[in-house]
C-alpha atoms as a PDB file:
ATOM      1  CA  UNK A   1      80.555  97.227 118.014  1.00  0.00           C
ATOM      2  CA  UNK A   2      77.896  97.905 120.643  1.00  0.00           C
ATOM      3  CA  UNK A   3      75.631  99.496 118.069  1.00  0.00           C
ATOM      4  CA  UNK A   4      76.010  96.563 115.687  1.00  0.00           C
ATOM      5  CA  UNK A   5      75.209  94.206 118.559  1.00  0.00           C
ATOM      6  CA  UNK A   6      72.114  96.247 119.425  1.00  0.00           C
ATOM      7  CA  UNK A   7      70.936  96.222 115.802  1.00  0.00           C
ATOM      8  CA  UNK A   8      71.558  92.483 115.644  1.00  0.00           C
ATOM      9  CA  UNK A   9      69.481  91.844 118.776  1.00  0.00           C
ATOM     10  CA  UNK A  10      66.686  94.047 117.467  1.00  0.00           C
ATOM     11  CA  UNK A  11      66.616  92.264 114.123  1.00  0.00           C
ATOM     12  CA  UNK A  12      66.392  88.888 115.837  1.00  0.00           C
ATOM     13  CA  UNK A  13      63.400  90.154 117.786  1.00  0.00           C
ATOM     14  CA  UNK A  14      61.775  91.340 114.566  1.00  0.00           C
ATOM     15  CA  UNK A  15      62.269  87.965 112.921  1.00  0.00           C
ATOM     16  CA  UNK A  16      60.768  86.153 115.876  1.00  0.00           C
ATOM     17  CA  UNK A  17      57.629  88.312 115.935  1.00  0.00           C
ATOM     18  CA  UNK A  18      56.089  87.177 112.620  1.00  0.00           C
ATOM     19  CA  UNK A  19      56.957  83.522 113.279  1.00  0.00           C
ATOM     20  CA  UNK A  20      54.539  83.295 116.182  1.00  0.00           C
ATOM     21  CA  UNK A  21      51.627  83.984 113.852  1.00  0.00           C
ATOM     22  CA  UNK A  22      52.837  81.803 111.004  1.00  0.00           C
ATOM     23  CA  UNK A  23      50.180  79.133 111.528  1.00  0.00           C
ATOM     24  CA  UNK A  24      47.378  81.692 111.369  1.00  0.00           C
ATOM     25  CA  UNK A  25      48.842  83.427 108.351  1.00  0.00           C
ATOM     26  CA  UNK A  26      49.121  80.143 106.471  1.00  0.00           C
ATOM     27  CA  UNK A  27      45.306  79.832 106.424  1.00  0.00           C
ATOM     28  CA  UNK A  28      44.861  83.119 104.582  1.00  0.00           C
ATOM     29  CA  UNK A  29      44.702  83.079 100.756  1.00  0.00           C
ATOM     30  CA  UNK A  30      47.924  83.958  98.990  1.00  0.00           C
ATOM     31  CA  UNK A  31      47.815  87.591  97.784  1.00  0.00           C
ATOM     32  CA  UNK A  32      47.944  88.195  94.060  1.00  0.00           C
ATOM     33  CA  UNK A  33      50.187  91.217  94.520  1.00  0.00           C
ATOM     34  CA  UNK A  34      52.639  92.485  97.095  1.00  0.00           C
ATOM     35  CA  UNK A  35      51.223  92.970 100.600  1.00  0.00           C
ATOM     36  CA  UNK A  36      52.344  95.468 103.232  1.00  0.00           C
ATOM     37  CA  UNK A  37      51.922  95.703 106.982  1.00  0.00           C
ATOM     38  CA  UNK A  38      53.000  98.210 109.626  1.00  0.00           C
ATOM     39  CA  UNK A  39      54.463  96.615 112.744  1.00  0.00           C
ATOM     40  CA  UNK A  40      54.722  99.780 114.868  1.00  0.00           C
ATOM     41  CA  UNK A  41      57.644 102.077 115.717  1.00  0.00           C
ATOM     42  CA  UNK A  42      57.960 102.908 111.989  1.00  0.00           C
ATOM     43  CA  UNK A  43      58.710  99.267 111.165  1.00  0.00           C
ATOM     44  CA  UNK A  44      57.122  98.046 107.940  1.00  0.00           C
ATOM     45  CA  UNK A  45      57.074  94.650 106.265  1.00  0.00           C
ATOM     46  CA  UNK A  46      56.150  93.717 102.725  1.00  0.00           C
ATOM     47  CA  UNK A  47      55.957  90.419 100.884  1.00  0.00           C
ATOM     48  CA  UNK A  48      56.749  90.708  97.179  1.00  0.00           C
ATOM     49  CA  UNK A  49      55.286  88.783  94.256  1.00  0.00           C
ATOM     50  CA  UNK A  50      58.190  86.310  94.179  1.00  0.00           C
ATOM     51  CA  UNK A  51      57.649  85.485  97.869  1.00  0.00           C
ATOM     52  CA  UNK A  52      60.529  87.535  99.302  1.00  0.00           C
ATOM     53  CA  UNK A  53      59.653  89.034 102.678  1.00  0.00           C
ATOM     54  CA  UNK A  54      61.252  92.390 103.513  1.00  0.00           C
ATOM     55  CA  UNK A  55      61.272  94.076 106.940  1.00  0.00           C
ATOM     56  CA  UNK A  56      62.443  97.685 107.249  1.00  0.00           C
ATOM     57  CA  UNK A  57      63.202  99.459 110.527  1.00  0.00           C
ATOM     58  CA  UNK A  58      64.226 103.123 110.011  1.00  0.00           C
ATOM     59  CA  UNK A  59      66.787 104.488 112.492  1.00  0.00           C
ATOM     60  CA  UNK A  60      68.330 107.825 111.514  1.00  0.00           C
ATOM     61  CA  UNK A  61      70.711 108.250 114.458  1.00  0.00           C
ATOM     62  CA  UNK A  62      73.714 107.696 112.193  1.00  0.00           C
ATOM     63  CA  UNK A  63      73.974 107.646 108.347  1.00  0.00           C
ATOM     64  CA  UNK A  64      74.628 103.900 108.186  1.00  0.00           C
ATOM     65  CA  UNK A  65      72.642 100.835 107.187  1.00  0.00           C
ATOM     66  CA  UNK A  66      72.631  97.223 108.379  1.00  0.00           C
ATOM     67  CA  UNK A  67      71.256  94.575 106.007  1.00  0.00           C
ATOM     68  CA  UNK A  68      70.586  90.961 106.993  1.00  0.00           C
ATOM     69  CA  UNK A  69      69.664  88.465 104.278  1.00  0.00           C
ATOM     70  CA  UNK A  70      68.162  85.380 105.965  1.00  0.00           C
ATOM     71  CA  UNK A  71      67.578  82.053 104.208  1.00  0.00           C
ATOM     72  CA  UNK A  72      65.677  79.218 105.848  1.00  0.00           C
ATOM     73  CA  UNK A  73      68.330  76.609 105.163  1.00  0.00           C
ATOM     74  CA  UNK A  74      70.828  74.928 107.448  1.00  0.00           C
ATOM     75  CA  UNK A  75      72.217  71.511 108.249  1.00  0.00           C
ATOM     76  CA  UNK A  76      68.678  70.279 109.055  1.00  0.00           C
ATOM     77  CA  UNK A  77      67.944  70.448 105.305  1.00  0.00           C
ATOM     78  CA  UNK A  78      70.798  68.078 104.455  1.00  0.00           C
ATOM     79  CA  UNK A  79      71.138  64.293 104.352  1.00  0.00           C
ATOM     80  CA  UNK A  80      74.019  61.787 104.217  1.00  0.00           C
ATOM     81  CA  UNK A  81      76.054  62.476 101.100  1.00  0.00           C
ATOM     82  CA  UNK A  82      75.574  66.257 101.068  1.00  0.00           C
ATOM     83  CA  UNK A  83      76.107  67.263 104.704  1.00  0.00           C
ATOM     84  CA  UNK A  84      77.908  70.591 105.021  1.00  0.00           C
ATOM     85  CA  UNK A  85      76.453  72.147 101.859  1.00  0.00           C
ATOM     86  CA  UNK A  86      74.688  74.957 103.749  1.00  0.00           C
ATOM     87  CA  UNK A  87      77.967  75.999 105.320  1.00  0.00           C
ATOM     88  CA  UNK A  88      79.745  75.574 101.989  1.00  0.00           C
ATOM     89  CA  UNK A  89      77.416  78.107 100.371  1.00  0.00           C
ATOM     90  CA  UNK A  90      78.197  80.548 103.149  1.00  0.00           C
ATOM     91  CA  UNK A  91      81.654  80.566 101.527  1.00  0.00           C
ATOM     92  CA  UNK A  92      80.586  80.258  97.878  1.00  0.00           C
ATOM     93  CA  UNK A  93      78.281  83.283  97.971  1.00  0.00           C
ATOM     94  CA  UNK A  94      81.355  85.521  98.109  1.00  0.00           C
ATOM     95  CA  UNK A  95      83.168  83.882  95.185  1.00  0.00           C
ATOM     96  CA  UNK A  96      81.759  85.598  92.148  1.00  0.00           C
ATOM     97  CA  UNK A  97      78.652  85.837  90.006  1.00  0.00           C
ATOM     98  CA  UNK A  98      77.778  87.306  86.577  1.00  0.00           C
ATOM     99  CA  UNK A  99      78.304  91.054  87.024  1.00  0.00           C
ATOM    100  CA  UNK A 100      80.725  90.929  89.945  1.00  0.00           C
ATOM    101  CA  UNK A 101      83.390  88.258  89.463  1.00  0.00           C
ATOM    102  CA  UNK A 102      85.670  86.448  91.950  1.00  0.00           C
ATOM    103  CA  UNK A 103      86.802  88.763  94.730  1.00  0.00           C
ATOM    104  CA  UNK A 104      84.597  91.598  93.483  1.00  0.00           C
ATOM    105  CA  UNK A 105      81.920  91.334  96.170  1.00  0.00           C
ATOM    106  CA  UNK A 106      84.340  92.189  98.973  1.00  0.00           C
ATOM    107  CA  UNK A 107      86.303  94.682  96.881  1.00  0.00           C
ATOM    108  CA  UNK A 108      83.226  96.681  95.841  1.00  0.00           C
ATOM    109  CA  UNK A 109      81.734  96.461  99.324  1.00  0.00           C
ATOM    110  CA  UNK A 110      84.894  97.784 100.986  1.00  0.00           C
ATOM    111  CA  UNK A 111      85.468 100.446  98.311  1.00  0.00           C
ATOM    112  CA  UNK A 112      82.064 101.843  99.227  1.00  0.00           C
ATOM    113  CA  UNK A 113      82.828 101.899 102.942  1.00  0.00           C
ATOM    114  CA  UNK A 114      81.061  98.658 103.817  1.00  0.00           C
ATOM    115  CA  UNK A 115      81.885  95.361 105.496  1.00  0.00           C
ATOM    116  CA  UNK A 116      80.180  91.975 105.582  1.00  0.00           C
ATOM    117  CA  UNK A 117      80.003  88.625 107.279  1.00  0.00           C
ATOM    118  CA  UNK A 118      77.866  85.485 107.323  1.00  0.00           C
ATOM    119  CA  UNK A 119      77.008  82.504 109.507  1.00  0.00           C
ATOM    120  CA  UNK A 120      75.319  79.120 109.230  1.00  0.00           C
ATOM    121  CA  UNK A 121      73.393  77.155 111.850  1.00  0.00           C
ATOM    122  CA  UNK A 122      71.225  74.049 111.906  1.00  0.00           C
ATOM    123  CA  UNK A 123      68.228  76.134 110.821  1.00  0.00           C
ATOM    124  CA  UNK A 124      69.326  79.238 108.892  1.00  0.00           C
ATOM    125  CA  UNK A 125      72.067  80.839 106.820  1.00  0.00           C
ATOM    126  CA  UNK A 126      72.448  84.604 107.225  1.00  0.00           C
ATOM    127  CA  UNK A 127      74.432  87.140 105.192  1.00  0.00           C
ATOM    128  CA  UNK A 128      75.201  90.471 106.864  1.00  0.00           C
ATOM    129  CA  UNK A 129      76.199  93.805 105.314  1.00  0.00           C
ATOM    130  CA  UNK A 130      77.063  97.068 107.117  1.00  0.00           C
ATOM    131  CA  UNK A 131      77.564 100.171 104.963  1.00  0.00           C
ATOM    132  CA  UNK A 132      76.902 103.922 104.623  1.00  0.00           C
ATOM    133  CA  UNK A 133      73.503 104.787 103.162  1.00  0.00           C
ATOM    134  CA  UNK A 134      75.248 106.303 100.129  1.00  0.00           C
ATOM    135  CA  UNK A 135      76.059 102.720  99.057  1.00  0.00           C
ATOM    136  CA  UNK A 136      72.455 101.446  99.090  1.00  0.00           C
ATOM    137  CA  UNK A 137      72.096 100.999  95.338  1.00  0.00           C
ATOM    138  CA  UNK A 138      75.392  99.166  94.781  1.00  0.00           C
ATOM    139  CA  UNK A 139      74.791  96.865  97.764  1.00  0.00           C
ATOM    140  CA  UNK A 140      71.444  95.795  96.316  1.00  0.00           C
ATOM    141  CA  UNK A 141      73.172  95.159  92.987  1.00  0.00           C
ATOM    142  CA  UNK A 142      75.721  92.923  94.743  1.00  0.00           C
ATOM    143  CA  UNK A 143      73.044  90.953  96.581  1.00  0.00           C
ATOM    144  CA  UNK A 144      70.873  90.498  93.497  1.00  0.00           C
ATOM    145  CA  UNK A 145      73.808  89.370  91.353  1.00  0.00           C
ATOM    146  CA  UNK A 146      74.939  86.578  93.662  1.00  0.00           C
ATOM    147  CA  UNK A 147      71.403  85.400  94.356  1.00  0.00           C
ATOM    148  CA  UNK A 148      70.437  85.217  90.690  1.00  0.00           C
ATOM    149  CA  UNK A 149      73.747  84.438  88.953  1.00  0.00           C
ATOM    150  CA  UNK A 150      76.090  82.723  91.418  1.00  0.00           C
ATOM    151  CA  UNK A 151      79.088  81.199  89.625  1.00  0.00           C
ATOM    152  CA  UNK A 152      79.776  77.461  89.852  1.00  0.00           C
ATOM    153  CA  UNK A 153      83.309  77.526  88.490  1.00  0.00           C
ATOM    154  CA  UNK A 154      84.863  74.067  89.103  1.00  0.00           C
ATOM    155  CA  UNK A 155      88.242  75.563  90.072  1.00  0.00           C
ATOM    156  CA  UNK A 156      86.633  77.855  92.638  1.00  0.00           C
ATOM    157  CA  UNK A 157      84.549  74.988  94.006  1.00  0.00           C
ATOM    158  CA  UNK A 158      87.625  72.818  94.514  1.00  0.00           C
ATOM    159  CA  UNK A 159      89.524  75.684  96.110  1.00  0.00           C
ATOM    160  CA  UNK A 160      86.675  76.402  98.524  1.00  0.00           C
ATOM    161  CA  UNK A 161      86.267  72.682  99.246  1.00  0.00           C
ATOM    162  CA  UNK A 162      89.858  72.722 100.470  1.00  0.00           C
ATOM    163  CA  UNK A 163      89.175  75.788 102.622  1.00  0.00           C
ATOM    164  CA  UNK A 164      86.163  74.121 104.265  1.00  0.00           C
ATOM    165  CA  UNK A 165      88.052  70.884 104.835  1.00  0.00           C
ATOM    166  CA  UNK A 166      90.881  72.833 106.466  1.00  0.00           C
ATOM    167  CA  UNK A 167      88.340  74.619 108.653  1.00  0.00           C
ATOM    168  CA  UNK A 168      86.925  71.272 109.731  1.00  0.00           C
ATOM    169  CA  UNK A 169      90.378  69.931 110.631  1.00  0.00           C
ATOM    170  CA  UNK A 170      91.182  72.948 112.796  1.00  0.00           C
ATOM    171  CA  UNK A 171      87.788  73.312 114.499  1.00  0.00           C
ATOM    172  CA  UNK A 172      86.797  69.632 114.900  1.00  0.00           C
ATOM    173  CA  UNK A 173      89.371  66.988 113.973  1.00  0.00           C
ATOM    174  CA  UNK A 174      92.239  68.707 115.814  1.00  0.00           C
ATOM    175  CA  UNK A 175      90.104  70.273 118.541  1.00  0.00           C
ATOM    176  CA  UNK A 176      89.053  68.176 121.527  1.00  0.00           C
ATOM    177  CA  UNK A 177      86.051  70.337 122.428  1.00  0.00           C
ATOM    178  CA  UNK A 178      84.919  70.508 118.809  1.00  0.00           C
ATOM    179  CA  UNK A 179      85.181  66.738 118.352  1.00  0.00           C
ATOM    180  CA  UNK A 180      83.327  66.094 121.616  1.00  0.00           C
ATOM    181  CA  UNK A 181      80.527  68.518 120.762  1.00  0.00           C
ATOM    182  CA  UNK A 182      80.082  66.878 117.350  1.00  0.00           C
ATOM    183  CA  UNK A 183      79.839  63.387 118.848  1.00  0.00           C
ATOM    184  CA  UNK A 184      77.434  64.494 121.585  1.00  0.00           C
ATOM    185  CA  UNK A 185      75.100  66.097 119.065  1.00  0.00           C
ATOM    186  CA  UNK A 186      75.255  63.109 116.712  1.00  0.00           C
ATOM    187  CA  UNK A 187      74.377  60.819 119.649  1.00  0.00           C
ATOM    188  CA  UNK A 188      71.648  63.025 121.113  1.00  0.00           C
ATOM    189  CA  UNK A 189      69.714  63.379 117.846  1.00  0.00           C
ATOM    190  CA  UNK A 190      69.355  59.806 116.642  1.00  0.00           C
ATOM    191  CA  UNK A 191      66.512  60.138 114.133  1.00  0.00           C
ATOM    192  CA  UNK A 192      66.721  63.834 113.344  1.00  0.00           C
ATOM    193  CA  UNK A 193      68.830  65.913 110.939  1.00  0.00           C
ATOM    194  CA  UNK A 194      70.251  67.870 113.893  1.00  0.00           C
ATOM    195  CA  UNK A 195      72.651  64.930 114.175  1.00  0.00           C
ATOM    196  CA  UNK A 196      74.568  66.283 111.166  1.00  0.00           C
ATOM    197  CA  UNK A 197      77.403  68.726 111.941  1.00  0.00           C
ATOM    198  CA  UNK A 198      76.924  72.127 110.324  1.00  0.00           C
ATOM    199  CA  UNK A 199      80.386  71.927 108.782  1.00  0.00           C
ATOM    200  CA  UNK A 200      79.609  68.462 107.339  1.00  0.00           C
ATOM    201  CA  UNK A 201      81.071  64.955 107.639  1.00  0.00           C
ATOM    202  CA  UNK A 202      84.582  64.574 106.109  1.00  0.00           C
ATOM    203  CA  UNK A 203      83.512  61.957 103.548  1.00  0.00           C
ATOM    204  CA  UNK A 204      80.719  64.215 102.307  1.00  0.00           C
ATOM    205  CA  UNK A 205      82.954  67.275 101.998  1.00  0.00           C
ATOM    206  CA  UNK A 206      85.267  65.188  99.810  1.00  0.00           C
ATOM    207  CA  UNK A 207      82.495  63.916  97.533  1.00  0.00           C
ATOM    208  CA  UNK A 208      80.085  66.816  96.797  1.00  0.00           C
ATOM    209  CA  UNK A 209      79.363  66.995  93.073  1.00  0.00           C
ATOM    210  CA  UNK A 210      78.623  70.175  91.133  1.00  0.00           C
ATOM    211  CA  UNK A 211      75.130  68.789  90.428  1.00  0.00           C
ATOM    212  CA  UNK A 212      74.533  68.545  94.198  1.00  0.00           C
ATOM    213  CA  UNK A 213      75.552  72.178  94.634  1.00  0.00           C
ATOM    214  CA  UNK A 214      73.397  73.471  91.796  1.00  0.00           C
ATOM    215  CA  UNK A 215      70.328  71.549  92.970  1.00  0.00           C
ATOM    216  CA  UNK A 216      70.767  72.689  96.564  1.00  0.00           C
ATOM    217  CA  UNK A 217      71.233  76.318  95.559  1.00  0.00           C
ATOM    218  CA  UNK A 218      68.177  76.359  93.318  1.00  0.00           C
ATOM    219  CA  UNK A 219      66.036  74.760  96.008  1.00  0.00           C
ATOM    220  CA  UNK A 220      66.926  76.900  99.005  1.00  0.00           C
ATOM    221  CA  UNK A 221      68.445  80.166  97.736  1.00  0.00           C
ATOM    222  CA  UNK A 222      65.142  81.357  96.356  1.00  0.00           C
ATOM    223  CA  UNK A 223      63.335  84.617  97.197  1.00  0.00           C
ATOM    224  CA  UNK A 224      60.360  82.736  98.638  1.00  0.00           C
ATOM    225  CA  UNK A 225      62.726  81.038 101.103  1.00  0.00           C
ATOM    226  CA  UNK A 226      64.264  84.295 102.315  1.00  0.00           C
ATOM    227  CA  UNK A 227      63.636  87.253 104.602  1.00  0.00           C
ATOM    228  CA  UNK A 228      65.499  90.521 104.080  1.00  0.00           C
ATOM    229  CA  UNK A 229      65.907  92.847 107.067  1.00  0.00           C
ATOM    230  CA  UNK A 230      67.133  96.400 106.610  1.00  0.00           C
ATOM    231  CA  UNK A 231      67.619  98.883 109.436  1.00  0.00           C
ATOM    232  CA  UNK A 232      69.360 102.233 109.693  1.00  0.00           C
ATOM    233  CA  UNK A 233      69.187 105.553 107.847  1.00  0.00           C
ATOM    234  CA  UNK A 234      66.550 104.423 105.348  1.00  0.00           C
ATOM    235  CA  UNK A 235      62.833 104.727 104.667  1.00  0.00           C
ATOM    236  CA  UNK A 236      60.581 101.753 103.873  1.00  0.00           C
ATOM    237  CA  UNK A 237      59.606 103.360 100.571  1.00  0.00           C
ATOM    238  CA  UNK A 238      63.165 103.580  99.228  1.00  0.00           C
ATOM    239  CA  UNK A 239      64.009 100.029 100.319  1.00  0.00           C
ATOM    240  CA  UNK A 240      60.845  98.640  98.735  1.00  0.00           C
ATOM    241  CA  UNK A 241      61.731 100.504  95.518  1.00  0.00           C
ATOM    242  CA  UNK A 242      65.218  98.961  95.466  1.00  0.00           C
ATOM    243  CA  UNK A 243      63.758  95.507  96.099  1.00  0.00           C
ATOM    244  CA  UNK A 244      61.304  95.973  93.224  1.00  0.00           C
ATOM    245  CA  UNK A 245      64.170  96.968  90.933  1.00  0.00           C
ATOM    246  CA  UNK A 246      66.796  94.380  91.847  1.00  0.00           C
ATOM    247  CA  UNK A 247      65.290  91.472  93.793  1.00  0.00           C
ATOM    248  CA  UNK A 248      61.651  91.087  92.763  1.00  0.00           C
ATOM    249  CA  UNK A 249      62.584  90.063  89.163  1.00  0.00           C
ATOM    250  CA  UNK A 250      64.334  86.973  90.582  1.00  0.00           C
ATOM    251  CA  UNK A 251      61.844  84.090  90.206  1.00  0.00           C
ATOM    252  CA  UNK A 252      60.601  82.018  93.109  1.00  0.00           C
ATOM    253  CA  UNK A 253      61.315  78.278  93.284  1.00  0.00           C
END
């Protein structure tokens, strides 16, 4: 647990570093091909043709890998009528795609010695995988499949809608601290999307349409809206090769 916490803290620091220079970078012409940069301490970053940014930090102390798939989407990207969709996709991304059907993501991950989690905030949605390096190829297949071919099965959507609504009841509606925190935030941010609760307003959770979900997914779950961090018993070259094979073919939006 300590090691995972240390990796997590380190990855946050890595993410923060490029952000500080974002304004300067924006003035540079967009490269025609993939660009690479060394950040020191064996850390390398590369931006691929579809806009996906990948940061690799080799650490060969143990034969494990930690992968963090960041998307710049959270409740701040929502509006009345679709609040809670970012959090909803945190759930939906584990519910089946084209190659790996319902329940297969977790089953394949665990069969290969891995585990996963995810979280949503006002600003980002992050998917986390921890696994032995022997599972590198299959993990990239899993990630590529759900990013490119996520299933929108109506039965699964309704089932997950019920799960999210139940989560809201337990963490907000039937929780004094949760209800108070939601009201304070909604009052503090009057003319700003931070007023929306990450889990969504009840009326919106009840009324999301499949068209809303598909539009939201296509807009924000795109390679050019993501940053992939990989650290552990890996080399930048092998990670970049896997990205070229499985993730770079996914078109930008």
